[in-house]
Amino acid sequence: MPIASIRKTDLIHRARSFLLLVGVVLCLKLASCSSERKQVAATPEPLTAVSTLDINSATVNELEELPNIGPKLANDIVQHRTKFGKFRRKQNLMLVDGMSAQRFREISPLLRAE
């Protein structure tokens, strides 16, 4: 066998071994990243300091604590709820006179309807 062919075969063998090693390292790295993602996904979200207000049980005083909700609008919300029953969705709060779409968008993240 000529020396040139031995060297060529040896280089091909080394290149294959190197590529196999790189492939194994990449697979191990991807596997560890995947397990880290699963652990992160399994971790529950921390509770935020801001809680939501149930518009179906909130008092006038509790509603007044919301931004841009004064005593009159808070009273109107409670009167509407008393007259027509519970709000089925928090969006129904816009049925109350004085509750504009802009004002609703501002306080919507702070509300829930149960």
C-alpha atoms as a PDB file:
ATOM      1  CA  MET A   1       0.000   0.000   0.000  1.00  0.00           C
ATOM      2  CA  PRO A   2       1.439   3.381  -0.912  1.00  0.00           C
ATOM      3  CA  ILE A   3       2.254   5.822   1.881  1.00  0.00           C
ATOM      4  CA  ALA A   4       0.042   8.520   0.365  1.00  0.00           C
ATOM      5  CA  SER A   5      -3.027   6.282   0.587  1.00  0.00           C
ATOM      6  CA  ILE A   6      -2.271   5.400   4.226  1.00  0.00           C
ATOM      7  CA  ARG A   7      -2.022   9.044   5.131  1.00  0.00           C
ATOM      8  CA  LYS A   8      -5.222   9.819   3.268  1.00  0.00           C
ATOM      9  CA  THR A   9      -7.052   6.971   5.033  1.00  0.00           C
ATOM     10  CA  ASP A  10      -5.648   8.081   8.378  1.00  0.00           C
ATOM     11  CA  LEU A  11      -6.804  11.663   7.779  1.00  0.00           C
ATOM     12  CA  ILE A  12     -10.277  10.497   6.802  1.00  0.00           C
ATOM     13  CA  HIS A  13     -10.462   8.333   9.934  1.00  0.00           C
ATOM     14  CA  ARG A  14      -9.318  11.214  12.164  1.00  0.00           C
ATOM     15  CA  ALA A  15     -11.780  13.603  10.511  1.00  0.00           C
ATOM     16  CA  ARG A  16     -14.649  11.153  11.063  1.00  0.00           C
ATOM     17  CA  SER A  17     -13.633  10.675  14.688  1.00  0.00           C
ATOM     18  CA  PHE A  18     -13.443  14.435  15.191  1.00  0.00           C
ATOM     19  CA  LEU A  19     -16.870  14.984  13.619  1.00  0.00           C
ATOM     20  CA  LEU A  20     -18.336  12.183  15.732  1.00  0.00           C
ATOM     21  CA  LEU A  21     -16.880  13.769  18.870  1.00  0.00           C
ATOM     22  CA  VAL A  22     -18.284  17.203  17.915  1.00  0.00           C
ATOM     23  CA  GLY A  23     -21.689  15.619  17.294  1.00  0.00           C
ATOM     24  CA  VAL A  24     -21.691  13.912  20.689  1.00  0.00           C
ATOM     25  CA  VAL A  25     -20.688  17.146  22.453  1.00  0.00           C
ATOM     26  CA  LEU A  26     -23.450  19.080  20.668  1.00  0.00           C
ATOM     27  CA  CYS A  27     -26.035  16.438  21.540  1.00  0.00           C
ATOM     28  CA  LEU A  28     -25.024  16.541  25.197  1.00  0.00           C
ATOM     29  CA  LYS A  29     -25.156  20.338  25.221  1.00  0.00           C
ATOM     30  CA  LEU A  30     -28.611  20.368  23.612  1.00  0.00           C
ATOM     31  CA  ALA A  31     -29.858  17.746  26.049  1.00  0.00           C
ATOM     32  CA  SER A  32     -28.667  19.762  29.036  1.00  0.00           C
ATOM     33  CA  CYS A  33     -30.267  22.934  27.634  1.00  0.00           C
ATOM     34  CA  SER A  34     -33.524  21.053  27.087  1.00  0.00           C
ATOM     35  CA  SER A  35     -33.606  19.774  30.665  1.00  0.00           C
ATOM     36  CA  GLU A  36     -32.842  23.274  31.963  1.00  0.00           C
ATOM     37  CA  ARG A  37     -35.784  24.626  29.943  1.00  0.00           C
ATOM     38  CA  LYS A  38     -38.071  21.954  31.380  1.00  0.00           C
ATOM     39  CA  GLN A  39     -36.976  22.871  34.910  1.00  0.00           C
ATOM     40  CA  VAL A  40     -37.567  26.553  34.236  1.00  0.00           C
ATOM     41  CA  ALA A  41     -40.982  25.819  32.726  1.00  0.00           C
ATOM     42  CA  ALA A  42     -41.933  23.689  35.730  1.00  0.00           C
ATOM     43  CA  THR A  43     -41.103  26.513  38.145  1.00  0.00           C
ATOM     44  CA  PRO A  44     -44.286  28.383  39.038  1.00  0.00           C
ATOM     45  CA  GLU A  45     -44.524  32.076  38.311  1.00  0.00           C
ATOM     46  CA  PRO A  46     -43.875  34.219  41.367  1.00  0.00           C
ATOM     47  CA  LEU A  47     -46.901  35.939  42.780  1.00  0.00           C
ATOM     48  CA  THR A  48     -47.081  39.635  42.082  1.00  0.00           C
ATOM     49  CA  ALA A  49     -47.807  42.220  44.719  1.00  0.00           C
ATOM     50  CA  VAL A  50     -50.723  43.518  42.656  1.00  0.00           C
ATOM     51  CA  SER A  51     -53.897  41.511  43.088  1.00  0.00           C
ATOM     52  CA  THR A  52     -57.062  41.814  41.072  1.00  0.00           C
ATOM     53  CA  LEU A  53     -60.328  43.178  42.372  1.00  0.00           C
ATOM     54  CA  ASP A  54     -63.551  41.236  41.849  1.00  0.00           C
ATOM     55  CA  ILE A  55     -66.012  43.783  40.501  1.00  0.00           C
ATOM     56  CA  ASN A  56     -68.940  41.635  41.623  1.00  0.00           C
ATOM     57  CA  SER A  57     -68.064  41.793  45.299  1.00  0.00           C
ATOM     58  CA  ALA A  58     -66.102  45.054  45.560  1.00  0.00           C
ATOM     59  CA  THR A  59     -67.413  47.777  47.829  1.00  0.00           C
ATOM     60  CA  VAL A  60     -67.597  51.443  46.877  1.00  0.00           C
ATOM     61  CA  ASN A  61     -64.455  52.122  48.936  1.00  0.00           C
ATOM     62  CA  GLU A  62     -62.536  49.315  47.217  1.00  0.00           C
ATOM     63  CA  LEU A  63     -63.569  50.566  43.778  1.00  0.00           C
ATOM     64  CA  GLU A  64     -62.452  54.102  44.667  1.00  0.00           C
ATOM     65  CA  GLU A  65     -58.927  52.782  45.225  1.00  0.00           C
ATOM     66  CA  LEU A  66     -58.659  51.989  41.518  1.00  0.00           C
ATOM     67  CA  PRO A  67     -56.940  54.656  39.416  1.00  0.00           C
ATOM     68  CA  ASN A  68     -59.298  57.262  37.908  1.00  0.00           C
ATOM     69  CA  ILE A  69     -62.328  55.905  39.770  1.00  0.00           C
ATOM     70  CA  GLY A  70     -63.942  58.536  41.943  1.00  0.00           C
ATOM     71  CA  PRO A  71     -66.720  58.192  44.509  1.00  0.00           C
ATOM     72  CA  LYS A  72     -69.523  58.868  42.009  1.00  0.00           C
ATOM     73  CA  LEU A  73     -68.357  56.280  39.470  1.00  0.00           C
ATOM     74  CA  ALA A  74     -67.682  53.734  42.221  1.00  0.00           C
ATOM     75  CA  ASN A  75     -71.205  54.287  43.539  1.00  0.00           C
ATOM     76  CA  ASP A  76     -72.651  54.016  40.017  1.00  0.00           C
ATOM     77  CA  ILE A  77     -70.865  50.679  39.510  1.00  0.00           C
ATOM     78  CA  VAL A  78     -72.326  49.260  42.714  1.00  0.00           C
ATOM     79  CA  GLN A  79     -75.804  50.589  41.857  1.00  0.00           C
ATOM     80  CA  HIS A  80     -75.598  49.070  38.363  1.00  0.00           C
ATOM     81  CA  ARG A  81     -74.581  45.735  39.852  1.00  0.00           C
ATOM     82  CA  THR A  82     -77.447  45.898  42.366  1.00  0.00           C
ATOM     83  CA  LYS A  83     -80.012  46.776  39.705  1.00  0.00           C
ATOM     84  CA  PHE A  84     -78.930  44.382  36.913  1.00  0.00           C
ATOM     85  CA  GLY A  85     -77.044  41.636  38.761  1.00  0.00           C
ATOM     86  CA  LYS A  86     -73.459  40.475  38.576  1.00  0.00           C
ATOM     87  CA  PHE A  87     -71.183  41.435  35.717  1.00  0.00           C
ATOM     88  CA  ARG A  88     -70.642  38.359  33.543  1.00  0.00           C
ATOM     89  CA  ARG A  89     -67.394  39.735  32.133  1.00  0.00           C
ATOM     90  CA  LYS A  90     -65.258  42.604  33.296  1.00  0.00           C
ATOM     91  CA  GLN A  91     -65.826  44.267  29.898  1.00  0.00           C
ATOM     92  CA  ASN A  92     -69.490  44.743  30.882  1.00  0.00           C
ATOM     93  CA  LEU A  93     -68.276  47.411  33.276  1.00  0.00           C
ATOM     94  CA  MET A  94     -68.340  49.745  30.269  1.00  0.00           C
ATOM     95  CA  LEU A  95     -72.152  49.599  30.430  1.00  0.00           C
ATOM     96  CA  VAL A  96     -71.980  51.856  33.493  1.00  0.00           C
ATOM     97  CA  ASP A  97     -72.382  55.558  32.675  1.00  0.00           C
ATOM     98  CA  GLY A  98     -69.066  57.334  33.104  1.00  0.00           C
ATOM     99  CA  MET A  99     -66.905  54.298  32.337  1.00  0.00           C
ATOM    100  CA  SER A 100     -65.127  55.159  29.103  1.00  0.00           C
ATOM    101  CA  ALA A 101     -63.204  52.672  26.994  1.00  0.00           C
ATOM    102  CA  GLN A 102     -59.956  54.470  27.844  1.00  0.00           C
ATOM    103  CA  ARG A 103     -60.627  54.349  31.574  1.00  0.00           C
ATOM    104  CA  PHE A 104     -61.593  50.686  31.314  1.00  0.00           C
ATOM    105  CA  ARG A 105     -58.349  49.854  29.464  1.00  0.00           C
ATOM    106  CA  GLU A 106     -56.356  51.512  32.244  1.00  0.00           C
ATOM    107  CA  ILE A 107     -57.964  49.532  35.061  1.00  0.00           C
ATOM    108  CA  SER A 108     -58.745  46.292  33.227  1.00  0.00           C
ATOM    109  CA  PRO A 109     -55.567  44.463  34.357  1.00  0.00           C
ATOM    110  CA  LEU A 110     -56.603  45.142  37.957  1.00  0.00           C
ATOM    111  CA  LEU A 111     -60.089  43.632  37.594  1.00  0.00           C
ATOM    112  CA  ARG A 112     -61.790  40.268  37.434  1.00  0.00           C
ATOM    113  CA  ALA A 113     -65.434  39.205  37.319  1.00  0.00           C
ATOM    114  CA  GLU A 114     -66.285  36.089  39.310  1.00  0.00           C
END
